[in-house]
N, C-alpha and C. Protein backbone atom coordinates (compact mmCIF):
# COMPACT_ATOMS: atom_id res chain seq x y z
N MET A 1 -15.77 100.64 40.02
CA MET A 1 -14.84 100.17 40.85
C MET A 1 -14.08 100.65 41.56
N GLY A 2 -13.64 101.48 40.64
CA GLY A 2 -12.15 101.73 41.62
C GLY A 2 -11.24 101.16 40.50
N ASN A 3 -9.73 101.61 41.32
CA ASN A 3 -8.39 101.76 41.48
C ASN A 3 -7.90 99.65 41.36
N ALA A 4 -8.13 99.06 40.05
CA ALA A 4 -7.79 98.11 40.17
C ALA A 4 -6.60 97.41 40.97
N ASP A 5 -5.74 97.97 41.11
CA ASP A 5 -4.38 97.40 41.89
C ASP A 5 -4.60 97.72 43.27
N GLU A 6 -6.10 98.79 43.39
CA GLU A 6 -6.89 97.74 44.93
C GLU A 6 -7.53 97.58 44.69
N THR A 7 -8.25 96.97 44.39
CA THR A 7 -8.88 96.07 43.94
C THR A 7 -8.64 94.57 44.71
N LEU A 8 -9.60 94.24 45.87
CA LEU A 8 -9.03 92.40 45.50
C LEU A 8 -10.68 92.03 45.39
N VAL A 9 -10.81 90.77 44.19
CA VAL A 9 -11.70 90.15 43.96
C VAL A 9 -11.77 88.43 44.95
N VAL A 10 -12.99 88.12 45.61
CA VAL A 10 -12.28 87.21 46.91
C VAL A 10 -13.78 86.14 46.17
N ILE A 11 -13.55 84.69 45.46
CA ILE A 11 -13.86 83.77 45.18
C ILE A 11 -14.15 82.77 45.60
N TRP A 12 -14.78 82.78 46.22
CA TRP A 12 -14.99 81.93 47.69
C TRP A 12 -16.42 80.42 46.65
N SER A 13 -16.07 79.29 46.73
CA SER A 13 -16.69 77.78 46.03
C SER A 13 -16.56 77.36 46.41
N SER A 14 -16.19 77.23 47.85
CA SER A 14 -16.01 75.78 48.78
C SER A 14 -17.17 75.56 49.48
N ALA A 15 -18.02 73.90 49.22
CA ALA A 15 -18.93 74.11 50.25
C ALA A 15 -18.74 73.45 51.95
N ASP A 16 -16.92 73.23 52.56
CA ASP A 16 -16.45 73.88 53.24
C ASP A 16 -16.74 74.43 54.50
N LYS A 17 -17.55 74.95 55.63
CA LYS A 17 -17.62 75.74 56.64
C LYS A 17 -16.34 76.27 57.16
N GLU A 18 -15.43 75.35 57.26
CA GLU A 18 -14.19 75.50 57.91
C GLU A 18 -13.61 76.14 57.25
N VAL A 19 -13.33 76.51 55.70
CA VAL A 19 -12.49 77.31 54.84
C VAL A 19 -13.15 78.33 54.87
N ALA A 20 -14.45 78.27 54.74
CA ALA A 20 -15.72 80.36 54.85
C ALA A 20 -15.22 80.46 55.92
N ARG A 21 -15.17 79.83 57.14
CA ARG A 21 -14.72 80.84 58.83
C ARG A 21 -13.55 80.82 58.60
N ASN A 22 -12.86 80.48 58.34
CA ASN A 22 -11.37 80.17 59.17
C ASN A 22 -10.63 81.16 57.73
N MET A 23 -11.12 81.76 56.51
CA MET A 23 -10.31 81.40 55.35
C MET A 23 -11.07 82.44 54.78
N ALA A 24 -11.68 82.47 53.68
CA ALA A 24 -12.61 83.56 52.78
C ALA A 24 -13.47 84.31 53.80
N PHE A 25 -13.62 84.10 54.82
CA PHE A 25 -14.69 85.11 55.56
C PHE A 25 -14.03 86.62 56.72
N MET A 26 -12.93 85.59 57.03
CA MET A 26 -11.85 86.15 57.78
C MET A 26 -11.00 87.31 56.96
N TYR A 27 -10.86 86.60 56.07
CA TYR A 27 -9.31 87.31 55.48
C TYR A 27 -9.83 88.27 54.16
N THR A 28 -11.75 88.65 53.89
CA THR A 28 -11.93 89.14 53.64
C THR A 28 -12.65 90.41 54.22
N TYR A 29 -13.23 90.01 55.16
CA TYR A 29 -13.54 91.30 56.19
C TYR A 29 -12.45 91.56 56.85
N ASN A 30 -11.21 91.17 57.11
CA ASN A 30 -10.57 92.15 57.28
C ASN A 30 -9.08 92.55 56.25
N ALA A 31 -9.61 92.67 55.42
CA ALA A 31 -8.77 93.10 54.33
C ALA A 31 -9.26 94.30 53.63
N LYS A 32 -10.87 94.72 54.30
CA LYS A 32 -11.75 95.42 54.36
C LYS A 32 -11.80 96.67 55.57
N LYS A 33 -11.42 95.94 56.57
CA LYS A 33 -11.86 96.83 57.86
C LYS A 33 -10.86 96.73 58.51
N LYS A 34 -9.17 96.82 58.15
CA LYS A 34 -7.65 97.63 58.10
C LYS A 34 -7.27 98.16 57.18
N GLY A 35 -8.20 98.43 55.75
CA GLY A 35 -7.74 99.12 54.59
C GLY A 35 -6.22 98.17 54.14
N TRP A 36 -6.24 96.88 54.16
CA TRP A 36 -5.85 95.75 53.16
C TRP A 36 -5.79 96.94 51.81
N TRP A 37 -6.65 96.65 51.33
CA TRP A 37 -7.04 96.70 50.44
C TRP A 37 -8.99 97.88 50.05
N GLU A 38 -8.59 98.84 48.87
CA GLU A 38 -9.15 99.84 48.86
C GLU A 38 -11.40 99.20 49.50
N ASN A 39 -10.80 97.90 48.20
CA ASN A 39 -12.17 98.27 47.21
C ASN A 39 -12.10 95.81 47.36
N VAL A 40 -13.25 95.84 47.69
CA VAL A 40 -13.80 94.38 47.79
C VAL A 40 -14.59 93.41 47.63
N ILE A 41 -14.71 92.97 46.59
CA ILE A 41 -15.75 92.68 46.34
C ILE A 41 -15.19 90.93 46.07
N PHE A 42 -16.68 89.93 46.79
CA PHE A 42 -16.99 88.61 47.35
C PHE A 42 -17.44 87.79 46.55
N ILE A 43 -16.94 87.09 46.01
CA ILE A 43 -18.34 86.06 44.95
C ILE A 43 -18.93 85.31 45.49
N ILE A 44 -19.79 84.75 45.35
CA ILE A 44 -20.33 83.14 46.23
C ILE A 44 -20.19 82.62 44.60
N TRP A 45 -19.47 81.68 44.16
CA TRP A 45 -19.57 80.85 43.61
C TRP A 45 -19.86 79.17 43.71
N GLY A 46 -20.41 78.95 43.23
CA GLY A 46 -20.98 77.56 43.26
C GLY A 46 -20.97 76.73 44.70
N PRO A 47 -20.53 75.47 45.19
CA PRO A 47 -21.81 75.12 46.27
C PRO A 47 -21.54 76.06 47.24
N SER A 48 -20.58 77.32 47.62
CA SER A 48 -20.94 77.61 48.97
C SER A 48 -22.31 78.96 48.56
N ALA A 49 -23.02 77.91 47.55
CA ALA A 49 -23.63 78.90 47.54
C ALA A 49 -25.19 78.07 48.61
N LYS A 50 -25.44 76.33 48.18
CA LYS A 50 -26.06 75.98 48.87
C LYS A 50 -26.34 76.36 51.06
N LEU A 51 -24.29 76.43 50.78
CA LEU A 51 -23.82 76.03 52.59
C LEU A 51 -24.39 77.96 52.67
N LEU A 52 -24.21 78.72 51.81
CA LEU A 52 -24.31 79.96 52.47
C LEU A 52 -26.04 80.32 52.67
N ALA A 53 -26.87 79.53 52.13
CA ALA A 53 -28.48 79.44 52.12
C ALA A 53 -28.71 78.46 52.85
N GLU A 54 -28.05 77.97 53.54
CA GLU A 54 -28.10 76.60 54.37
C GLU A 54 -28.16 77.15 56.10
N ASP A 55 -27.22 78.37 56.34
CA ASP A 55 -25.86 78.02 57.42
C ASP A 55 -26.90 79.91 57.92
N THR A 56 -27.05 79.94 58.64
CA THR A 56 -26.98 80.77 59.64
C THR A 56 -25.74 81.44 60.18
N GLN A 57 -24.86 81.03 60.54
CA GLN A 57 -24.21 82.06 61.11
C GLN A 57 -23.60 82.28 60.17
N LEU A 58 -23.13 81.60 58.86
CA LEU A 58 -22.26 82.32 57.83
C LEU A 58 -23.33 83.20 57.06
N GLN A 59 -24.90 83.38 56.97
CA GLN A 59 -25.31 84.25 57.21
C GLN A 59 -25.45 85.51 57.67
N HIS A 60 -24.98 85.95 58.70
CA HIS A 60 -24.84 86.58 59.76
C HIS A 60 -23.40 87.23 59.67
N TRP A 61 -22.61 86.09 59.54
CA TRP A 61 -20.91 86.71 58.98
C TRP A 61 -21.15 87.58 57.92
N LEU A 62 -21.80 87.12 56.63
CA LEU A 62 -21.60 88.09 55.13
C LEU A 62 -22.70 89.48 55.88
N LYS A 63 -23.56 88.69 56.69
CA LYS A 63 -24.04 90.59 56.83
C LYS A 63 -23.01 91.65 56.67
N ASN A 64 -22.06 90.71 58.40
CA ASN A 64 -21.25 92.10 58.41
C ASN A 64 -20.23 92.39 57.03
N MET A 65 -20.07 91.78 56.28
CA MET A 65 -19.14 91.60 55.82
C MET A 65 -19.31 92.82 54.61
N LYS A 66 -20.89 92.60 53.89
CA LYS A 66 -21.68 93.44 53.78
C LYS A 66 -21.79 94.90 54.46
N ASP A 67 -22.06 95.24 55.82
CA ASP A 67 -22.38 97.04 56.41
C ASP A 67 -20.47 96.94 56.55
N MET A 68 -19.34 96.24 56.01
CA MET A 68 -18.24 97.22 55.95
C MET A 68 -17.90 97.38 54.96
N GLY A 69 -18.56 97.18 54.02
CA GLY A 69 -18.30 97.55 52.27
C GLY A 69 -18.50 97.17 51.34
N ILE A 70 -18.03 95.73 52.07
CA ILE A 70 -18.48 94.09 50.84
C ILE A 70 -18.76 94.59 49.55
N THR A 71 -18.65 94.49 48.10
CA THR A 71 -19.35 94.23 47.43
C THR A 71 -19.46 92.65 47.46
N LEU A 72 -21.04 92.21 47.75
CA LEU A 72 -21.62 91.14 47.24
C LEU A 72 -21.75 90.74 45.94
N GLU A 73 -21.37 89.63 45.57
CA GLU A 73 -21.65 89.08 43.95
C GLU A 73 -22.52 87.97 44.37
N ALA A 74 -22.83 86.53 42.91
CA ALA A 74 -23.09 85.47 43.63
C ALA A 74 -23.31 84.91 41.87
N CYS A 75 -22.76 83.94 41.18
CA CYS A 75 -23.56 83.13 40.17
C CYS A 75 -24.98 82.69 40.36
N LYS A 76 -25.47 83.70 39.02
CA LYS A 76 -26.42 83.01 38.91
C LYS A 76 -26.95 81.70 38.52
N SER A 77 -25.89 81.41 37.85
CA SER A 77 -26.33 79.78 37.46
C SER A 77 -26.16 79.13 38.43
N CYS A 78 -25.17 78.92 39.02
CA CYS A 78 -25.04 78.24 40.27
C CYS A 78 -26.02 78.20 41.13
N SER A 79 -26.38 79.21 41.32
CA SER A 79 -27.64 79.51 42.57
C SER A 79 -28.54 79.16 42.40
N ASP A 80 -29.32 78.62 40.65
CA ASP A 80 -30.40 78.39 40.48
C ASP A 80 -29.79 77.41 40.85
N ASP A 81 -28.55 76.60 40.00
CA ASP A 81 -28.87 75.34 39.90
C ASP A 81 -29.74 74.45 41.71
N TYR A 82 -29.14 75.07 42.22
CA TYR A 82 -28.75 74.93 44.08
C TYR A 82 -30.23 75.58 44.33
N GLY A 83 -31.39 76.33 43.61
CA GLY A 83 -32.83 76.59 44.59
C GLY A 83 -32.14 77.60 45.51
N VAL A 84 -31.15 78.31 44.89
CA VAL A 84 -31.39 80.00 46.05
C VAL A 84 -31.01 80.83 45.89
N SER A 85 -31.33 81.12 44.30
CA SER A 85 -30.74 82.74 43.97
C SER A 85 -31.45 83.28 44.79
N GLU A 86 -32.57 83.53 45.15
CA GLU A 86 -33.73 84.11 45.59
C GLU A 86 -33.49 84.59 47.89
N VAL A 87 -32.83 83.76 47.89
CA VAL A 87 -32.96 83.72 49.15
C VAL A 87 -31.17 84.33 49.72
N LEU A 88 -30.48 84.25 48.05
CA LEU A 88 -29.27 85.63 47.96
C LEU A 88 -29.80 86.57 47.86
N GLU A 89 -29.96 86.76 47.51
CA GLU A 89 -31.06 88.53 47.05
C GLU A 89 -31.59 88.76 48.13
N ARG A 90 -31.96 87.79 48.71
CA ARG A 90 -32.84 88.24 50.14
C ARG A 90 -31.75 88.70 51.10
N MET A 91 -30.46 88.23 51.10
CA MET A 91 -29.44 88.80 51.78
C MET A 91 -28.60 90.49 51.07
N SER A 92 -29.33 90.61 49.98
CA SER A 92 -28.61 91.87 49.04
C SER A 92 -27.01 91.60 48.28
N VAL A 93 -26.86 90.17 47.80
CA VAL A 93 -26.40 89.32 47.28
C VAL A 93 -26.54 89.82 45.42
N ASP A 94 -25.94 90.36 44.87
CA ASP A 94 -26.31 90.71 43.80
C ASP A 94 -25.69 89.16 42.76
N VAL A 95 -27.63 88.94 42.35
CA VAL A 95 -26.71 87.47 41.81
C VAL A 95 -27.14 87.25 40.40
N LYS A 96 -25.99 86.99 39.70
CA LYS A 96 -25.39 87.63 38.83
C LYS A 96 -24.82 86.71 37.60
N TYR A 97 -24.54 86.31 35.92
CA TYR A 97 -24.19 85.83 35.48
C TYR A 97 -22.68 85.60 35.88
N MET A 98 -21.67 85.27 36.53
CA MET A 98 -20.14 86.17 36.68
C MET A 98 -19.60 85.90 35.63
N GLY A 99 -20.02 85.58 34.63
CA GLY A 99 -17.89 84.77 33.07
C GLY A 99 -18.26 85.96 33.11
N VAL A 100 -19.03 87.15 32.57
CA VAL A 100 -18.52 88.13 31.78
C VAL A 100 -17.41 89.48 32.59
N PRO A 101 -18.80 89.34 34.15
CA PRO A 101 -17.44 89.91 35.09
C PRO A 101 -16.62 90.18 35.44
N LEU A 102 -16.54 88.00 35.66
CA LEU A 102 -14.92 88.19 36.64
C LEU A 102 -13.63 88.11 35.29
N THR A 103 -14.15 87.71 33.83
CA THR A 103 -13.51 88.14 33.15
C THR A 103 -13.35 90.09 33.09
N ASP A 104 -14.12 90.73 33.27
CA ASP A 104 -13.86 92.12 32.81
C ASP A 104 -13.04 92.21 34.22
N TYR A 105 -13.16 91.67 35.91
CA TYR A 105 -11.67 91.90 36.95
C TYR A 105 -10.57 91.08 36.55
N LEU A 106 -9.98 90.48 35.62
CA LEU A 106 -9.38 90.16 35.46
C LEU A 106 -8.39 90.67 34.27
N LYS A 107 -8.95 91.23 33.30
CA LYS A 107 -9.02 91.96 32.12
C LYS A 107 -8.67 93.20 32.60
N GLN A 108 -9.08 94.21 33.75
CA GLN A 108 -8.80 95.07 34.78
C GLN A 108 -7.16 95.03 35.74
N GLY A 109 -7.22 93.64 35.56
CA GLY A 109 -6.06 93.72 36.76
C GLY A 109 -5.96 93.57 37.70
N MET A 110 -7.74 93.32 38.46
CA MET A 110 -7.91 93.27 39.47
C MET A 110 -7.22 92.00 40.28
N HIS A 111 -7.33 92.04 41.22
CA HIS A 111 -6.07 90.99 42.11
C HIS A 111 -7.45 89.63 42.48
N VAL A 112 -6.88 88.63 42.11
CA VAL A 112 -8.07 87.93 42.65
C VAL A 112 -7.75 86.47 43.05
N LEU A 113 -8.24 85.67 44.08
CA LEU A 113 -7.65 85.16 45.28
C LEU A 113 -9.06 84.02 45.42
N THR A 114 -9.24 82.46 45.37
CA THR A 114 -10.39 82.04 45.38
C THR A 114 -9.58 80.82 46.89
N PHE A 115 -10.59 80.75 47.58
CA PHE A 115 -11.42 79.81 48.05
C PHE A 115 -12.36 78.56 47.96
């Protein structure tokens, strides 16, 4: 993924659309667009997976994040529980079990932010 000092991992777990729109998506998008961080990973975890699968406006914003070069990942266990794994995969989200990847990000010293 590159230099840990220049990598931001954003974990979005909130089912609150306002948190998504006005915090998680806004900061993540601008962090990459404005070059605040070289590498940005956006992880969809928990209830946020269901919200994203049902909300076309958030899906549009997620596509903009992908187009900006942000890496999109989601917790497979959670998205399977909500029945939305296939929906997320169609949005080009890498749906996988996230325990080991998140542990690796933390051990590598990447910066982790949660919403």
